[in-house]
Amino acid sequence: MTLDAELAAVWNEEIARAHNPAFSIAVMRRIERSLYRRALVLSIAIVAVATLLFIIVAPLLTSIWRQSFARSLNALTLVFLLSALSVFLSKCLRPLF
């Protein structure tokens, strides 16, 4: 077998493998798994940082809340503010995923 025939055989094999649906699905699964792992690790890191930040800042927020805002807000207003904050944070963090 000459070098040209050998190269043609390898080229045809590569083309056949690229058009093989099982190969394409395997590649897509591998990419999907890596993206899922990345998103999972990023989510865990964000939750860990948020938890640590909450643990550090919670006493200060509690004292400020009791001194200024607690008397003027009812439960429905608090639910609205927390939901608006969560929507805002999800919009800000969406490009990370």
C-alpha atoms as a PDB file:
ATOM      1  CA  MET A   1       0.000   0.000   0.000  1.00  0.00           C
ATOM      2  CA  THR A   2       1.385   3.372  -0.962  1.00  0.00           C
ATOM      3  CA  LEU A   3       1.448   6.382   1.256  1.00  0.00           C
ATOM      4  CA  ASP A   4      -1.322   8.075  -0.735  1.00  0.00           C
ATOM      5  CA  ALA A   5      -3.591   5.057  -0.420  1.00  0.00           C
ATOM      6  CA  GLU A   6      -2.841   4.831   3.283  1.00  0.00           C
ATOM      7  CA  LEU A   7      -3.648   8.514   3.788  1.00  0.00           C
ATOM      8  CA  ALA A   8      -6.842   8.146   1.768  1.00  0.00           C
ATOM      9  CA  ALA A   9      -7.900   5.187   3.927  1.00  0.00           C
ATOM     10  CA  VAL A  10      -7.261   7.153   7.137  1.00  0.00           C
ATOM     11  CA  TRP A  11      -9.114  10.168   5.691  1.00  0.00           C
ATOM     12  CA  ASN A  12     -12.124   8.047   4.738  1.00  0.00           C
ATOM     13  CA  GLU A  13     -12.119   6.467   8.187  1.00  0.00           C
ATOM     14  CA  GLU A  14     -12.143   9.917   9.820  1.00  0.00           C
ATOM     15  CA  ILE A  15     -15.012  11.051   7.600  1.00  0.00           C
ATOM     16  CA  ALA A  16     -16.960   7.877   8.390  1.00  0.00           C
ATOM     17  CA  ARG A  17     -16.373   8.332  12.117  1.00  0.00           C
ATOM     18  CA  ALA A  18     -17.473  11.977  11.942  1.00  0.00           C
ATOM     19  CA  HIS A  19     -20.743  10.932  10.314  1.00  0.00           C
ATOM     20  CA  ASN A  20     -21.284   8.065  12.727  1.00  0.00           C
ATOM     21  CA  PRO A  21     -24.305   8.943  14.928  1.00  0.00           C
ATOM     22  CA  ALA A  22     -22.998   6.896  17.873  1.00  0.00           C
ATOM     23  CA  PHE A  23     -19.724   8.808  17.809  1.00  0.00           C
ATOM     24  CA  SER A  24     -21.532  12.154  17.627  1.00  0.00           C
ATOM     25  CA  ILE A  25     -23.789  11.211  20.533  1.00  0.00           C
ATOM     26  CA  ALA A  26     -20.800  10.073  22.597  1.00  0.00           C
ATOM     27  CA  VAL A  27     -19.029  13.377  21.980  1.00  0.00           C
ATOM     28  CA  MET A  28     -22.170  15.352  22.869  1.00  0.00           C
ATOM     29  CA  ARG A  29     -22.602  13.330  26.074  1.00  0.00           C
ATOM     30  CA  ARG A  30     -19.015  14.022  27.090  1.00  0.00           C
ATOM     31  CA  ILE A  31     -19.468  17.744  26.463  1.00  0.00           C
ATOM     32  CA  GLU A  32     -22.785  17.753  28.340  1.00  0.00           C
ATOM     33  CA  ARG A  33     -21.228  15.967  31.320  1.00  0.00           C
ATOM     34  CA  SER A  34     -18.359  18.443  31.514  1.00  0.00           C
ATOM     35  CA  LEU A  35     -20.738  21.416  31.317  1.00  0.00           C
ATOM     36  CA  TYR A  36     -22.938  19.870  34.014  1.00  0.00           C
ATOM     37  CA  ARG A  37     -19.953  19.313  36.308  1.00  0.00           C
ATOM     38  CA  ARG A  38     -18.795  22.887  35.763  1.00  0.00           C
ATOM     39  CA  ALA A  39     -22.240  24.287  36.568  1.00  0.00           C
ATOM     40  CA  LEU A  40     -22.535  22.057  39.636  1.00  0.00           C
ATOM     41  CA  VAL A  41     -19.148  23.089  41.006  1.00  0.00           C
ATOM     42  CA  LEU A  42     -19.928  26.742  40.346  1.00  0.00           C
ATOM     43  CA  SER A  43     -23.308  26.437  42.083  1.00  0.00           C
ATOM     44  CA  ILE A  44     -21.747  24.773  45.117  1.00  0.00           C
ATOM     45  CA  ALA A  45     -19.078  27.477  45.282  1.00  0.00           C
ATOM     46  CA  ILE A  46     -21.679  30.253  45.082  1.00  0.00           C
ATOM     47  CA  VAL A  47     -23.759  28.642  47.833  1.00  0.00           C
ATOM     48  CA  ALA A  48     -20.683  28.218  50.037  1.00  0.00           C
ATOM     49  CA  VAL A  49     -19.628  31.844  49.586  1.00  0.00           C
ATOM     50  CA  ALA A  50     -23.177  33.076  50.196  1.00  0.00           C
ATOM     51  CA  THR A  51     -23.433  30.968  53.347  1.00  0.00           C
ATOM     52  CA  LEU A  52     -20.150  32.276  54.711  1.00  0.00           C
ATOM     53  CA  LEU A  53     -21.147  35.832  53.865  1.00  0.00           C
ATOM     54  CA  PHE A  54     -24.488  35.354  55.579  1.00  0.00           C
ATOM     55  CA  ILE A  55     -22.821  33.936  58.698  1.00  0.00           C
ATOM     56  CA  ILE A  56     -20.480  36.928  58.862  1.00  0.00           C
ATOM     57  CA  VAL A  57     -23.035  39.627  58.071  1.00  0.00           C
ATOM     58  CA  ALA A  58     -26.160  38.207  59.775  1.00  0.00           C
ATOM     59  CA  PRO A  59     -25.600  39.718  63.255  1.00  0.00           C
ATOM     60  CA  LEU A  60     -25.066  43.172  61.776  1.00  0.00           C
ATOM     61  CA  LEU A  61     -28.140  42.876  59.565  1.00  0.00           C
ATOM     62  CA  THR A  62     -30.236  41.673  62.493  1.00  0.00           C
ATOM     63  CA  SER A  63     -29.336  44.669  64.625  1.00  0.00           C
ATOM     64  CA  ILE A  64     -29.938  47.122  61.765  1.00  0.00           C
ATOM     65  CA  TRP A  65     -33.266  45.450  60.944  1.00  0.00           C
ATOM     66  CA  ARG A  66     -34.483  45.634  64.522  1.00  0.00           C
ATOM     67  CA  GLN A  67     -33.486  49.257  64.924  1.00  0.00           C
ATOM     68  CA  SER A  68     -34.881  50.710  61.723  1.00  0.00           C
ATOM     69  CA  PHE A  69     -37.031  48.617  59.379  1.00  0.00           C
ATOM     70  CA  ALA A  70     -38.854  46.065  61.513  1.00  0.00           C
ATOM     71  CA  ARG A  71     -41.616  48.382  62.657  1.00  0.00           C
ATOM     72  CA  SER A  72     -42.540  49.701  59.217  1.00  0.00           C
ATOM     73  CA  LEU A  73     -42.648  46.484  57.149  1.00  0.00           C
ATOM     74  CA  ASN A  74     -45.149  43.684  57.310  1.00  0.00           C
ATOM     75  CA  ALA A  75     -44.687  40.086  56.180  1.00  0.00           C
ATOM     76  CA  LEU A  76     -46.008  40.593  52.633  1.00  0.00           C
ATOM     77  CA  THR A  77     -43.624  43.461  52.001  1.00  0.00           C
ATOM     78  CA  LEU A  78     -40.753  41.359  53.288  1.00  0.00           C
ATOM     79  CA  VAL A  79     -41.704  38.461  50.980  1.00  0.00           C
ATOM     80  CA  PHE A  80     -41.880  40.847  48.019  1.00  0.00           C
ATOM     81  CA  LEU A  81     -38.465  42.343  48.798  1.00  0.00           C
ATOM     82  CA  LEU A  82     -36.844  38.931  49.213  1.00  0.00           C
ATOM     83  CA  SER A  83     -38.345  37.636  45.967  1.00  0.00           C
ATOM     84  CA  ALA A  84     -37.220  40.756  44.107  1.00  0.00           C
ATOM     85  CA  LEU A  85     -33.724  40.289  45.517  1.00  0.00           C
ATOM     86  CA  SER A  86     -33.637  36.635  44.452  1.00  0.00           C
ATOM     87  CA  VAL A  87     -34.785  37.498  40.907  1.00  0.00           C
ATOM     88  CA  PHE A  88     -32.138  40.207  40.696  1.00  0.00           C
ATOM     89  CA  LEU A  89     -29.401  37.827  41.849  1.00  0.00           C
ATOM     90  CA  SER A  90     -30.510  35.108  39.447  1.00  0.00           C
ATOM     91  CA  LYS A  91     -30.379  37.589  36.546  1.00  0.00           C
ATOM     92  CA  CYS A  92     -26.908  38.707  37.602  1.00  0.00           C
ATOM     93  CA  LEU A  93     -25.582  35.161  37.992  1.00  0.00           C
ATOM     94  CA  ARG A  94     -27.147  33.758  34.797  1.00  0.00           C
ATOM     95  CA  PRO A  95     -24.126  34.603  32.578  1.00  0.00           C
ATOM     96  CA  LEU A  96     -21.960  32.437  34.833  1.00  0.00           C
ATOM     97  CA  PHE A  97     -23.922  29.335  33.887  1.00  0.00           C
END
